PDB file of N, CA and C in Angstrom:
ATOM      1  N   MET A   1      15.397   3.679  -3.361  1.00  0.00           N
ATOM      2  CA  MET A   1      14.068   3.136  -3.589  1.00  0.00           C
ATOM      3  C   MET A   1      13.594   2.388  -2.348  1.00  0.00           C
ATOM      4  N   GLN A   2      12.333   2.546  -2.030  1.00  0.00           N
ATOM      5  CA  GLN A   2      11.778   1.882  -0.858  1.00  0.00           C
ATOM      6  C   GLN A   2      11.366   0.456  -1.193  1.00  0.00           C
ATOM      7  N   SER A   3      11.726  -0.452  -0.310  1.00  0.00           N
ATOM      8  CA  SER A   3      11.293  -1.842  -0.451  1.00  0.00           C
ATOM      9  C   SER A   3      10.150  -2.094   0.525  1.00  0.00           C
ATOM     10  N   LEU A   4       9.469  -3.193   0.346  1.00  0.00           N
ATOM     11  CA  LEU A   4       8.382  -3.548   1.250  1.00  0.00           C
ATOM     12  C   LEU A   4       8.886  -3.696   2.690  1.00  0.00           C
ATOM     13  N   SER A   5      10.084  -4.222   2.866  1.00  0.00           N
ATOM     14  CA  SER A   5      10.656  -4.378   4.213  1.00  0.00           C
ATOM     15  C   SER A   5      10.835  -3.034   4.909  1.00  0.00           C
ATOM     16  N   ASP A   6      11.085  -1.978   4.138  1.00  0.00           N
ATOM     17  CA  ASP A   6      11.245  -0.643   4.708  1.00  0.00           C
ATOM     18  C   ASP A   6       9.945  -0.125   5.322  1.00  0.00           C
ATOM     19  N   LEU A   7       8.818  -0.639   4.875  1.00  0.00           N
ATOM     20  CA  LEU A   7       7.511  -0.132   5.304  1.00  0.00           C
ATOM     21  C   LEU A   7       6.915  -0.856   6.495  1.00  0.00           C
ATOM     22  N   VAL A   8       7.321  -2.074   6.733  1.00  0.00           N
ATOM     23  CA  VAL A   8       6.609  -2.963   7.646  1.00  0.00           C
ATOM     24  C   VAL A   8       6.462  -2.412   9.068  1.00  0.00           C
ATOM     25  N   ASP A   9       7.412  -1.676   9.587  1.00  0.00           N
ATOM     26  CA  ASP A   9       7.352  -1.246  10.985  1.00  0.00           C
ATOM     27  C   ASP A   9       6.556   0.024  11.247  1.00  0.00           C
ATOM     28  N   SER A  10       6.496   0.946  10.289  1.00  0.00           N
ATOM     29  CA  SER A  10       5.935   2.266  10.602  1.00  0.00           C
ATOM     30  C   SER A  10       5.001   2.850   9.553  1.00  0.00           C
ATOM     31  N   PHE A  11       4.675   2.099   8.512  1.00  0.00           N
ATOM     32  CA  PHE A  11       3.912   2.660   7.412  1.00  0.00           C
ATOM     33  C   PHE A  11       2.726   1.782   7.033  1.00  0.00           C
ATOM     34  N   HIS A  12       1.694   2.410   6.509  1.00  0.00           N
ATOM     35  CA  HIS A  12       0.587   1.714   5.856  1.00  0.00           C
ATOM     36  C   HIS A  12       0.715   1.980   4.366  1.00  0.00           C
ATOM     37  N   LEU A  13       0.237   1.056   3.576  1.00  0.00           N
ATOM     38  CA  LEU A  13       0.293   1.175   2.123  1.00  0.00           C
ATOM     39  C   LEU A  13      -1.136   1.079   1.591  1.00  0.00           C
ATOM     40  N   TYR A  14      -1.540   2.090   0.813  1.00  0.00           N
ATOM     41  CA  TYR A  14      -2.887   2.138   0.256  1.00  0.00           C
ATOM     42  C   TYR A  14      -2.840   2.145  -1.265  1.00  0.00           C
ATOM     43  N   ALA A  15      -3.735   1.387  -1.870  1.00  0.00           N
ATOM     44  CA  ALA A  15      -3.955   1.455  -3.311  1.00  0.00           C
ATOM     45  C   ALA A  15      -5.221   2.281  -3.504  1.00  0.00           C
ATOM     46  N   VAL A  16      -5.181   3.237  -4.435  1.00  0.00           N
ATOM     47  CA  VAL A  16      -6.305   4.144  -4.648  1.00  0.00           C
ATOM     48  C   VAL A  16      -6.730   4.083  -6.116  1.00  0.00           C
ATOM     49  N   CYS A  17      -8.022   3.872  -6.349  1.00  0.00           N
ATOM     50  CA  CYS A  17      -8.566   3.870  -7.705  1.00  0.00           C
ATOM     51  C   CYS A  17      -9.131   5.256  -8.003  1.00  0.00           C
ATOM     52  N   GLU A  18      -8.548   5.933  -8.946  1.00  0.00           N
ATOM     53  CA  GLU A  18      -9.023   7.268  -9.318  1.00  0.00           C
ATOM     54  C   GLU A  18     -10.360   7.200 -10.056  1.00  0.00           C
ATOM     55  N   THR A  19     -10.658   6.077 -10.688  1.00  0.00           N
ATOM     56  CA  THR A  19     -11.894   5.947 -11.458  1.00  0.00           C
ATOM     57  C   THR A  19     -13.127   5.869 -10.567  1.00  0.00           C
ATOM     58  N   CYS A  20     -13.111   4.968  -9.588  1.00  0.00           N
ATOM     59  CA  CYS A  20     -14.302   4.795  -8.737  1.00  0.00           C
ATOM     60  C   CYS A  20     -14.104   5.322  -7.317  1.00  0.00           C
ATOM     61  N   GLN A  21     -12.959   5.925  -7.048  1.00  0.00           N
ATOM     62  CA  GLN A  21     -12.658   6.546  -5.765  1.00  0.00           C
ATOM     63  C   GLN A  21     -12.515   5.542  -4.613  1.00  0.00           C
ATOM     64  N   ARG A  22     -12.329   4.286  -4.918  1.00  0.00           N
ATOM     65  CA  ARG A  22     -12.150   3.272  -3.879  1.00  0.00           C
ATOM     66  C   ARG A  22     -10.700   3.304  -3.414  1.00  0.00           C
ATOM     67  N   GLN A  23     -10.494   3.060  -2.131  1.00  0.00           N
ATOM     68  CA  GLN A  23      -9.145   2.919  -1.602  1.00  0.00           C
ATOM     69  C   GLN A  23      -9.111   1.672  -0.735  1.00  0.00           C
ATOM     70  N   ALA A  24      -7.972   1.001  -0.751  1.00  0.00           N
ATOM     71  CA  ALA A  24      -7.827  -0.212   0.041  1.00  0.00           C
ATOM     72  C   ALA A  24      -6.460  -0.218   0.709  1.00  0.00           C
ATOM     73  N   LYS A  25      -6.467  -0.545   1.988  1.00  0.00           N
ATOM     74  CA  LYS A  25      -5.206  -0.694   2.719  1.00  0.00           C
ATOM     75  C   LYS A  25      -4.648  -2.068   2.371  1.00  0.00           C
ATOM     76  N   LEU A  26      -3.403  -2.090   1.919  1.00  0.00           N
ATOM     77  CA  LEU A  26      -2.753  -3.335   1.564  1.00  0.00           C
ATOM     78  C   LEU A  26      -2.006  -3.876   2.780  1.00  0.00           C
ATOM     79  N   ASP A  27      -2.007  -5.171   2.940  1.00  0.00           N
ATOM     80  CA  ASP A  27      -1.313  -5.810   4.057  1.00  0.00           C
ATOM     81  C   ASP A  27       0.149  -6.008   3.656  1.00  0.00           C
ATOM     82  N   VAL A  28       1.031  -5.200   4.213  1.00  0.00           N
ATOM     83  CA  VAL A  28       2.449  -5.209   3.840  1.00  0.00           C
ATOM     84  C   VAL A  28       3.082  -6.559   4.172  1.00  0.00           C
ATOM     85  N   GLU A  29       2.739  -7.149   5.301  1.00  0.00           N
ATOM     86  CA  GLU A  29       3.335  -8.436   5.669  1.00  0.00           C
ATOM     87  C   GLU A  29       2.927  -9.549   4.697  1.00  0.00           C
ATOM     88  N   THR A  30       1.681  -9.524   4.248  1.00  0.00           N
ATOM     89  CA  THR A  30       1.234 -10.502   3.250  1.00  0.00           C
ATOM     90  C   THR A  30       1.984 -10.298   1.941  1.00  0.00           C
ATOM     91  N   LEU A  31       2.160  -9.041   1.548  1.00  0.00           N
ATOM     92  CA  LEU A  31       2.898  -8.744   0.320  1.00  0.00           C
ATOM     93  C   LEU A  31       4.346  -9.220   0.418  1.00  0.00           C
ATOM     94  N   ILE A  32       4.959  -9.053   1.584  1.00  0.00           N
ATOM     95  CA  ILE A  32       6.332  -9.520   1.784  1.00  0.00           C
ATOM     96  C   ILE A  32       6.398 -11.045   1.647  1.00  0.00           C
ATOM     97  N   ASN A  33       5.435 -11.745   2.230  1.00  0.00           N
ATOM     98  CA  ASN A  33       5.405 -13.212   2.119  1.00  0.00           C
ATOM     99  C   ASN A  33       5.219 -13.664   0.680  1.00  0.00           C
ATOM    100  N   ARG A  34       4.432 -12.921  -0.071  1.00  0.00           N
ATOM    101  CA  ARG A  34       4.118 -13.286  -1.446  1.00  0.00           C
ATOM    102  C   ARG A  34       5.205 -12.850  -2.434  1.00  0.00           C
ATOM    103  N   LEU A  35       5.728 -11.626  -2.273  1.00  0.00           N
ATOM    104  CA  LEU A  35       6.634 -11.044  -3.259  1.00  0.00           C
ATOM    105  C   LEU A  35       8.086 -10.940  -2.803  1.00  0.00           C
ATOM    106  N   GLY A  36       8.302 -11.025  -1.495  1.00  0.00           N
ATOM    107  CA  GLY A  36       9.642 -10.869  -0.942  1.00  0.00           C
ATOM    108  C   GLY A  36       9.860  -9.467  -0.413  1.00  0.00           C
ATOM    109  N   GLY A  37      10.595  -9.366   0.663  1.00  0.00           N
ATOM    110  CA  GLY A  37      10.831  -8.081   1.318  1.00  0.00           C
ATOM    111  C   GLY A  37      11.650  -7.105   0.504  1.00  0.00           C
ATOM    112  N   ASP A  38      12.438  -7.605  -0.443  1.00  0.00           N
ATOM    113  CA  ASP A  38      13.267  -6.733  -1.269  1.00  0.00           C
ATOM    114  C   ASP A  38      12.515  -6.103  -2.436  1.00  0.00           C
ATOM    115  N   THR A  39      11.252  -6.475  -2.618  1.00  0.00           N
ATOM    116  CA  THR A  39      10.451  -5.922  -3.713  1.00  0.00           C
ATOM    117  C   THR A  39      10.328  -4.413  -3.548  1.00  0.00           C
ATOM    118  N   GLU A  40      10.681  -3.684  -4.583  1.00  0.00           N
ATOM    119  CA  GLU A  40      10.578  -2.222  -4.540  1.00  0.00           C
ATOM    120  C   GLU A  40       9.132  -1.807  -4.747  1.00  0.00           C
ATOM    121  N   VAL A  41       8.680  -0.893  -3.901  1.00  0.00           N
ATOM    122  CA  VAL A  41       7.284  -0.474  -3.902  1.00  0.00           C
ATOM    123  C   VAL A  41       6.875   0.078  -5.267  1.00  0.00           C
ATOM    124  N   HIS A  42       7.722   0.868  -5.906  1.00  0.00           N
ATOM    125  CA  HIS A  42       7.340   1.471  -7.188  1.00  0.00           C
ATOM    126  C   HIS A  42       7.102   0.423  -8.278  1.00  0.00           C
ATOM    127  N   LYS A  43       7.709  -0.750  -8.162  1.00  0.00           N
ATOM    128  CA  LYS A  43       7.504  -1.803  -9.167  1.00  0.00           C
ATOM    129  C   LYS A  43       6.145  -2.471  -9.025  1.00  0.00           C
ATOM    130  N   MET A  44       5.493  -2.298  -7.889  1.00  0.00           N
ATOM    131  CA  MET A  44       4.168  -2.880  -7.680  1.00  0.00           C
ATOM    132  C   MET A  44       3.078  -2.082  -8.388  1.00  0.00           C
ATOM    133  N   ARG A  45       3.335  -0.824  -8.676  1.00  0.00           N
ATOM    134  CA  ARG A  45       2.313   0.061  -9.259  1.00  0.00           C
ATOM    135  C   ARG A  45       1.672  -0.510 -10.518  1.00  0.00           C
ATOM    136  N   SER A  46       2.453  -1.089 -11.396  1.00  0.00           N
ATOM    137  CA  SER A  46       1.913  -1.598 -12.665  1.00  0.00           C
ATOM    138  C   SER A  46       1.066  -2.849 -12.485  1.00  0.00           C
ATOM    139  N   LYS A  47       1.084  -3.436 -11.305  1.00  0.00           N
ATOM    140  CA  LYS A  47       0.326  -4.659 -11.053  1.00  0.00           C
ATOM    141  C   LYS A  47      -1.033  -4.402 -10.393  1.00  0.00           C
ATOM    142  N   LEU A  48      -1.312  -3.168 -10.038  1.00  0.00           N
ATOM    143  CA  LEU A  48      -2.542  -2.847  -9.310  1.00  0.00           C
ATOM    144  C   LEU A  48      -3.762  -2.823 -10.228  1.00  0.00           C
ATOM    145  N   LYS A  49      -4.842  -3.406  -9.735  1.00  0.00           N
ATOM    146  CA  LYS A  49      -6.110  -3.397 -10.467  1.00  0.00           C
ATOM    147  C   LYS A  49      -7.235  -3.328  -9.442  1.00  0.00           C
ATOM    148  N   CYS A  50      -8.166  -2.407  -9.644  1.00  0.00           N
ATOM    149  CA  CYS A  50      -9.278  -2.224  -8.715  1.00  0.00           C
ATOM    150  C   CYS A  50     -10.190  -3.454  -8.742  1.00  0.00           C
ATOM    151  N   ARG A  51     -10.555  -3.941  -7.569  1.00  0.00           N
ATOM    152  CA  ARG A  51     -11.436  -5.112  -7.477  1.00  0.00           C
ATOM    153  C   ARG A  51     -12.894  -4.764  -7.754  1.00  0.00           C
ATOM    154  N   VAL A  52     -13.232  -3.477  -7.712  1.00  0.00           N
ATOM    155  CA  VAL A  52     -14.621  -3.071  -7.929  1.00  0.00           C
ATOM    156  C   VAL A  52     -14.888  -2.767  -9.403  1.00  0.00           C
ATOM    157  N   CYS A  53     -14.111  -1.841  -9.980  1.00  0.00           N
ATOM    158  CA  CYS A  53     -14.377  -1.429 -11.367  1.00  0.00           C
ATOM    159  C   CYS A  53     -13.393  -2.037 -12.368  1.00  0.00           C
ATOM    160  N   HIS A  54     -12.411  -2.786 -11.885  1.00  0.00           N
ATOM    161  CA  HIS A  54     -11.434  -3.514 -12.710  1.00  0.00           C
ATOM    162  C   HIS A  54     -10.514  -2.618 -13.530  1.00  0.00           C
ATOM    163  N   THR A  55     -10.422  -1.352 -13.163  1.00  0.00           N
ATOM    164  CA  THR A  55      -9.526  -0.415 -13.831  1.00  0.00           C
ATOM    165  C   THR A  55      -8.121  -0.600 -13.284  1.00  0.00           C
ATOM    166  N   ARG A  56      -7.136  -0.544 -14.144  1.00  0.00           N
ATOM    167  CA  ARG A  56      -5.745  -0.566 -13.700  1.00  0.00           C
ATOM    168  C   ARG A  56      -5.418   0.808 -13.135  1.00  0.00           C
ATOM    169  N   THR A  57      -4.771   0.812 -11.989  1.00  0.00           N
ATOM    170  CA  THR A  57      -4.390   2.052 -11.358  1.00  0.00           C
ATOM    171  C   THR A  57      -2.939   1.946 -10.921  1.00  0.00           C
ATOM    172  N   GLU A  58      -2.241   3.044 -10.888  1.00  0.00           N
ATOM    173  CA  GLU A  58      -0.867   3.031 -10.400  1.00  0.00           C
ATOM    174  C   GLU A  58      -0.721   3.921  -9.173  1.00  0.00           C
ATOM    175  N   ASP A  59      -1.845   4.233  -8.558  1.00  0.00           N
ATOM    176  CA  ASP A  59      -1.846   5.156  -7.427  1.00  0.00           C
ATOM    177  C   ASP A  59      -1.646   4.396  -6.122  1.00  0.00           C
ATOM    178  N   LEU A  60      -0.431   4.452  -5.596  1.00  0.00           N
ATOM    179  CA  LEU A  60      -0.086   3.862  -4.309  1.00  0.00           C
ATOM    180  C   LEU A  60       0.260   4.986  -3.355  1.00  0.00           C
ATOM    181  N   ARG A  61      -0.243   4.925  -2.143  1.00  0.00           N
ATOM    182  CA  ARG A  61       0.055   5.950  -1.144  1.00  0.00           C
ATOM    183  C   ARG A  61       0.728   5.285   0.049  1.00  0.00           C
ATOM    184  N   ILE A  62       1.849   5.831   0.444  1.00  0.00           N
ATOM    185  CA  ILE A  62       2.579   5.347   1.610  1.00  0.00           C
ATOM    186  C   ILE A  62       2.332   6.353   2.727  1.00  0.00           C
ATOM    187  N   VAL A  63       1.804   5.870   3.845  1.00  0.00           N
ATOM    188  CA  VAL A  63       1.424   6.750   4.947  1.00  0.00           C
ATOM    189  C   VAL A  63       2.185   6.359   6.210  1.00  0.00           C
ATOM    190  N   TYR A  64       2.918   7.317   6.765  1.00  0.00           N
ATOM    191  CA  TYR A  64       3.628   7.076   8.018  1.00  0.00           C
ATOM    192  C   TYR A  64       2.631   7.097   9.172  1.00  0.00           C
ATOM    193  N   VAL A  65       2.638   6.040   9.985  1.00  0.00           N
ATOM    194  CA  VAL A  65       1.734   5.969  11.133  1.00  0.00           C
ATOM    195  C   VAL A  65       2.476   5.747  12.448  1.00  0.00           C
ATOM    196  N   GLY A  66       3.781   5.562  12.413  1.00  0.00           N
ATOM    197  CA  GLY A  66       4.565   5.341  13.623  1.00  0.00           C
ATOM    198  C   GLY A  66       4.808   3.870  13.885  1.00  0.00           C
ATOM    199  N   LYS A  67       5.586   3.609  14.900  1.00  0.00           N
ATOM    200  CA  LYS A  67       5.899   2.228  15.289  1.00  0.00           C
ATOM    201  C   LYS A  67       4.642   1.502  15.742  1.00  0.00           C
ATOM    202  N   LYS A  68       4.630   0.174  15.605  1.00  0.00           N
ATOM    203  CA  LYS A  68       3.442  -0.621  15.914  1.00  0.00           C
ATOM    204  C   LYS A  68       2.916  -0.407  17.334  1.00  0.00           C
ATOM    205  N   ASP A  69       3.775  -0.275  18.311  1.00  0.00           N
ATOM    206  CA  ASP A  69       3.309  -0.096  19.685  1.00  0.00           C
ATOM    207  C   ASP A  69       2.901   1.343  19.991  1.00  0.00           C
ATOM    208  N   GLN A  70       3.180   2.270  19.044  1.00  0.00           N
ATOM    209  CA  GLN A  70       2.820   3.678  19.214  1.00  0.00           C
ATOM    210  C   GLN A  70       2.072   4.197  17.988  1.00  0.00           C
ATOM    211  N   GLU A  71       1.413   3.309  17.289  1.00  0.00           N
ATOM    212  CA  GLU A  71       0.796   3.619  16.005  1.00  0.00           C
ATOM    213  C   GLU A  71      -0.289   4.684  16.127  1.00  0.00           C
ATOM    214  N   ALA A  72      -0.207   5.663  15.253  1.00  0.00           N
ATOM    215  CA  ALA A  72      -1.221   6.716  15.184  1.00  0.00           C
ATOM    216  C   ALA A  72      -2.444   6.183  14.437  1.00  0.00           C
ATOM    217  N   ILE A  73      -3.593   6.683  14.779  1.00  0.00           N
ATOM    218  CA  ILE A  73      -4.816   6.296  14.066  1.00  0.00           C
ATOM    219  C   ILE A  73      -4.871   7.118  12.793  1.00  0.00           C
ATOM    220  N   PHE A  74      -4.985   6.450  11.670  1.00  0.00           N
ATOM    221  CA  PHE A  74      -5.047   7.125  10.387  1.00  0.00           C
ATOM    222  C   PHE A  74      -6.123   6.472   9.543  1.00  0.00           C
ATOM    223  N   GLN A  75      -6.906   7.308   8.906  1.00  0.00           N
ATOM    224  CA  GLN A  75      -7.899   6.817   7.973  1.00  0.00           C
ATOM    225  C   GLN A  75      -7.819   7.697   6.746  1.00  0.00           C
ATOM    226  N   TYR A  76      -7.494   7.092   5.607  1.00  0.00           N
ATOM    227  CA  TYR A  76      -7.367   7.859   4.379  1.00  0.00           C
ATOM    228  C   TYR A  76      -8.759   8.216   3.875  1.00  0.00           C
ATOM    229  N   ARG A  77      -9.012   9.482   3.682  1.00  0.00           N
ATOM    230  CA  ARG A  77     -10.312   9.940   3.167  1.00  0.00           C
ATOM    231  C   ARG A  77     -10.105  10.863   1.995  1.00  0.00           C
ATOM    232  N   ARG A  78     -11.051  10.888   1.099  1.00  0.00           N
ATOM    233  CA  ARG A  78     -10.990  11.760  -0.080  1.00  0.00           C
ATOM    234  C   ARG A  78     -11.817  12.973   0.182  1.00  0.00           C
TER     235      ARG A  78
END
């Protein structure tokens, strides 16, 4: 299982609302400070709620972007 600490160096984490099609990039470092680096990513799914339409969503997307000094430009689009 992937923990938040596993993502910090090379990945972006996105929450996606299937109801209103909104997506938001989550700040992994902030999540680590708040929840701890050992928090498993799949356990966060049940806590997600869209800030626009207030629908609960469990859609999390983990996107590899490379190391911070060699980070690829990525923009999640529908």
